[in-house]
Amino acid sequence: MADMRNRLFWIAASAGVALDRATKLWILTAFPLQDPPATLPVIRDIFHFTYVVNTGAAFSSFQGQGGGWLRWLSLIVSVGLAALAIWNPRLPRWEQLGYGLILSGALGNGIDRFAFGHVIDFLDARLINFPIFNIADVMINLGLICLFVGLWRSPSTPTAR
C-alpha cells in the first residue's frame, strides 16, 4: 500500500464530512422547514432536534451573507487546509486530527452555502440556551480542541542561541 501522507487528516476530514452530510440529509427529509421550526425532543427541554437555516456565520452573526462572501471563505479555508496536508511532509498526530476535523466542518457548511445559500442547523441544546448548530460546527470545535491538545502535549524545543 502506498504511503499516504497525513493519513489521519484525510480520515478525519472524510468521516466528518460524511457524518455532517448524512445528518443534514436526514433533517431535510424528516423535518419540514417552517416557522416556528419543527422540533423533536430527545430529552424534553434539554436537547432537541430543531430544523432551522442560518444565513450567516457562527451564532447567527452576519445574517443574510451565507450565500455571499461566507461561501468563499469556506472554500478558501478548505483549499488551504488541504494544501497544508498535501505539501507538509508529516504533521504531528494531533494536528492531523485537528486540521482534518476543521476541514470537515468548513466543507460541510461550505457545501450548504454553495448548494442552498444557507447552512442547515438542527442540534438544539436548550438546557444552556445555546444557538442551534450542526455536526460541521461540532467538528470545527473538536478540531480546535485537538490543536490545543497538540500544543499542550508537544515538547517545547529550545531556541538556538
Protein backbone atom coordinates (compact mmCIF):
# COMPACT_ATOMS: atom_id res chain seq x y z
CA MET A 1 0.00 0.00 0.00
CA ALA A 2 1.34 3.41 -0.92
CA ASP A 3 2.39 5.74 1.88
CA MET A 4 -0.42 8.23 2.30
CA ARG A 5 0.87 11.47 3.74
CA ASN A 6 -1.05 12.71 6.79
CA ARG A 7 -3.48 9.79 6.70
CA LEU A 8 -5.26 10.75 9.95
CA PHE A 9 -6.03 14.18 8.46
CA TRP A 10 -7.80 12.63 5.45
CA ILE A 11 -9.64 10.05 7.57
CA ALA A 12 -10.92 12.74 9.97
CA ALA A 13 -11.92 15.04 7.12
CA SER A 14 -13.73 12.29 5.20
CA ALA A 15 -15.52 10.88 8.24
CA GLY A 16 -16.57 14.35 9.43
CA VAL A 17 -17.98 15.36 6.04
CA ALA A 18 -19.81 12.03 5.69
CA LEU A 19 -21.40 12.38 9.15
CA ASP A 20 -22.34 16.01 8.51
CA ARG A 21 -23.91 15.29 5.11
CA ALA A 22 -25.79 12.22 6.40
CA THR A 23 -27.30 14.08 9.35
CA LYS A 24 -28.29 17.06 7.22
CA LEU A 25 -29.90 14.75 4.65
CA TRP A 26 -31.88 13.17 7.48
CA ILE A 27 -33.03 16.59 8.71
CA LEU A 28 -34.01 17.68 5.19
CA THR A 29 -36.11 14.56 4.65
CA ALA A 30 -37.56 14.15 8.15
CA PHE A 31 -38.49 17.73 9.07
CA PRO A 32 -40.44 20.43 7.28
CA LEU A 33 -38.89 23.89 7.19
CA GLN A 34 -41.48 26.02 8.94
CA ASP A 35 -41.99 28.93 11.31
CA PRO A 36 -41.97 28.15 14.19
CA PRO A 37 -39.33 25.47 13.50
CA ALA A 38 -40.20 21.78 13.56
CA THR A 39 -38.64 20.14 16.61
CA LEU A 40 -38.20 16.65 18.02
CA PRO A 41 -37.40 16.44 21.74
CA VAL A 42 -34.69 13.91 22.51
CA ILE A 43 -34.74 14.93 26.17
CA ARG A 44 -37.56 17.44 26.65
CA ASP A 45 -36.34 20.99 27.44
CA ILE A 46 -32.73 19.79 27.43
CA PHE A 47 -31.86 18.62 23.91
CA HIS A 48 -33.97 18.67 20.74
CA PHE A 49 -33.52 18.24 17.02
CA THR A 50 -34.85 21.51 15.58
CA TYR A 51 -34.58 22.31 11.88
CA VAL A 52 -33.59 25.90 11.13
CA VAL A 53 -31.49 27.60 8.48
CA ASN A 54 -28.68 30.01 9.20
CA THR A 55 -27.96 32.59 6.52
CA GLY A 56 -24.99 33.92 8.49
CA ALA A 57 -21.98 32.59 10.37
CA ALA A 58 -21.43 31.25 13.88
CA PHE A 59 -24.05 32.29 16.45
CA SER A 60 -26.10 33.70 13.55
CA SER A 61 -23.72 36.63 13.08
CA PHE A 62 -23.59 38.21 9.59
CA GLN A 63 -27.19 37.14 8.84
CA GLY A 64 -28.09 37.14 5.16
CA GLN A 65 -24.49 36.70 3.98
CA GLY A 66 -24.21 32.91 3.95
CA GLY A 67 -24.54 32.79 0.19
CA GLY A 68 -22.08 35.64 -0.33
CA TRP A 69 -18.57 36.00 0.99
CA LEU A 70 -19.01 33.28 3.64
CA ARG A 71 -19.21 30.59 0.95
CA TRP A 72 -15.92 31.80 -0.50
CA LEU A 73 -14.33 31.91 2.95
CA SER A 74 -15.34 28.25 3.46
CA LEU A 75 -13.77 27.37 0.11
CA ILE A 76 -10.53 29.25 0.84
CA VAL A 77 -10.18 27.64 4.28
CA SER A 78 -10.87 24.20 2.79
CA VAL A 79 -8.31 24.60 0.00
CA GLY A 80 -5.74 25.99 2.45
CA LEU A 81 -6.16 23.07 4.87
CA ALA A 82 -5.99 20.50 2.08
CA ALA A 83 -2.82 22.18 0.75
CA LEU A 84 -1.33 22.05 4.25
CA ALA A 85 -1.87 18.30 4.39
CA ILE A 86 -0.71 17.68 0.82
CA TRP A 87 2.52 19.66 0.95
CA ASN A 88 3.53 19.15 4.56
CA PRO A 89 5.78 16.10 4.90
CA ARG A 90 4.11 14.84 8.07
CA LEU A 91 2.05 16.77 10.57
CA PRO A 92 2.00 15.63 14.20
CA ARG A 93 -0.93 13.33 15.01
CA TRP A 94 -2.96 15.92 16.99
CA GLU A 95 -2.51 18.48 14.20
CA GLN A 96 -3.61 15.97 11.57
CA LEU A 97 -6.73 15.19 13.56
CA GLY A 98 -7.43 18.84 14.38
CA TYR A 99 -6.93 20.21 10.89
CA GLY A 100 -8.86 17.28 9.37
CA LEU A 101 -11.86 17.92 11.62
CA ILE A 102 -11.75 21.66 10.89
CA LEU A 103 -11.63 20.85 7.16
CA SER A 104 -14.68 18.59 7.52
CA GLY A 105 -16.61 21.42 9.20
CA ALA A 106 -15.55 24.02 6.64
CA LEU A 107 -16.52 21.66 3.80
CA GLY A 108 -19.82 20.63 5.40
CA ASN A 109 -21.01 24.19 5.93
CA GLY A 110 -19.44 25.33 2.65
CA ILE A 111 -21.39 22.71 0.71
CA ASP A 112 -24.58 24.05 2.32
CA ARG A 113 -23.70 27.63 1.43
CA PHE A 114 -22.97 26.80 -2.21
CA ALA A 115 -25.96 24.45 -2.62
CA PHE A 116 -28.62 26.32 -0.64
CA GLY A 117 -27.30 29.80 0.19
CA HIS A 118 -27.59 28.98 3.91
CA VAL A 119 -26.42 26.43 6.47
CA ILE A 120 -28.70 23.70 7.83
CA ASP A 121 -28.71 23.70 11.66
CA PHE A 122 -30.54 21.24 13.89
CA LEU A 123 -28.74 20.48 17.17
CA ASP A 124 -30.67 22.36 19.84
CA ALA A 125 -29.08 22.39 23.33
CA ARG A 126 -31.92 24.03 25.23
CA LEU A 127 -30.58 23.42 28.71
CA ILE A 128 -27.90 26.06 28.17
CA ASN A 129 -29.93 28.18 25.72
CA PHE A 130 -27.24 27.78 23.06
CA PRO A 131 -27.79 28.77 19.40
CA ILE A 132 -28.87 25.85 17.22
CA PHE A 133 -25.89 24.30 15.41
CA ASN A 134 -24.88 21.29 13.31
CA ILE A 135 -22.30 18.49 13.06
CA ALA A 136 -19.94 20.64 10.95
CA ASP A 137 -19.85 23.17 13.80
CA VAL A 138 -19.08 20.36 16.25
CA MET A 139 -16.24 19.15 14.00
CA ILE A 140 -14.69 22.62 13.86
CA ASN A 141 -14.77 22.91 17.64
CA LEU A 142 -13.39 19.40 18.16
CA GLY A 143 -10.64 20.25 15.68
CA LEU A 144 -9.71 23.35 17.65
CA ILE A 145 -9.61 21.29 20.85
CA CYS A 146 -7.29 18.79 19.15
CA LEU A 147 -4.96 21.61 18.06
CA PHE A 148 -4.86 22.94 21.63
CA VAL A 149 -4.14 19.43 22.95
CA GLY A 150 -1.36 19.13 20.38
CA LEU A 151 0.16 22.40 21.55
CA TRP A 152 -0.08 21.31 25.17
CA ARG A 153 1.36 17.84 24.53
CA SER A 154 4.16 18.79 22.15
CA PRO A 155 7.54 19.10 23.80
CA SER A 156 8.96 22.57 23.71
CA THR A 157 12.13 22.81 21.70
CA PRO A 158 14.89 25.08 22.92
CA THR A 159 15.61 28.03 20.69
CA ALA A 160 19.03 28.31 19.09
CA ARG A 161 21.27 30.95 20.53
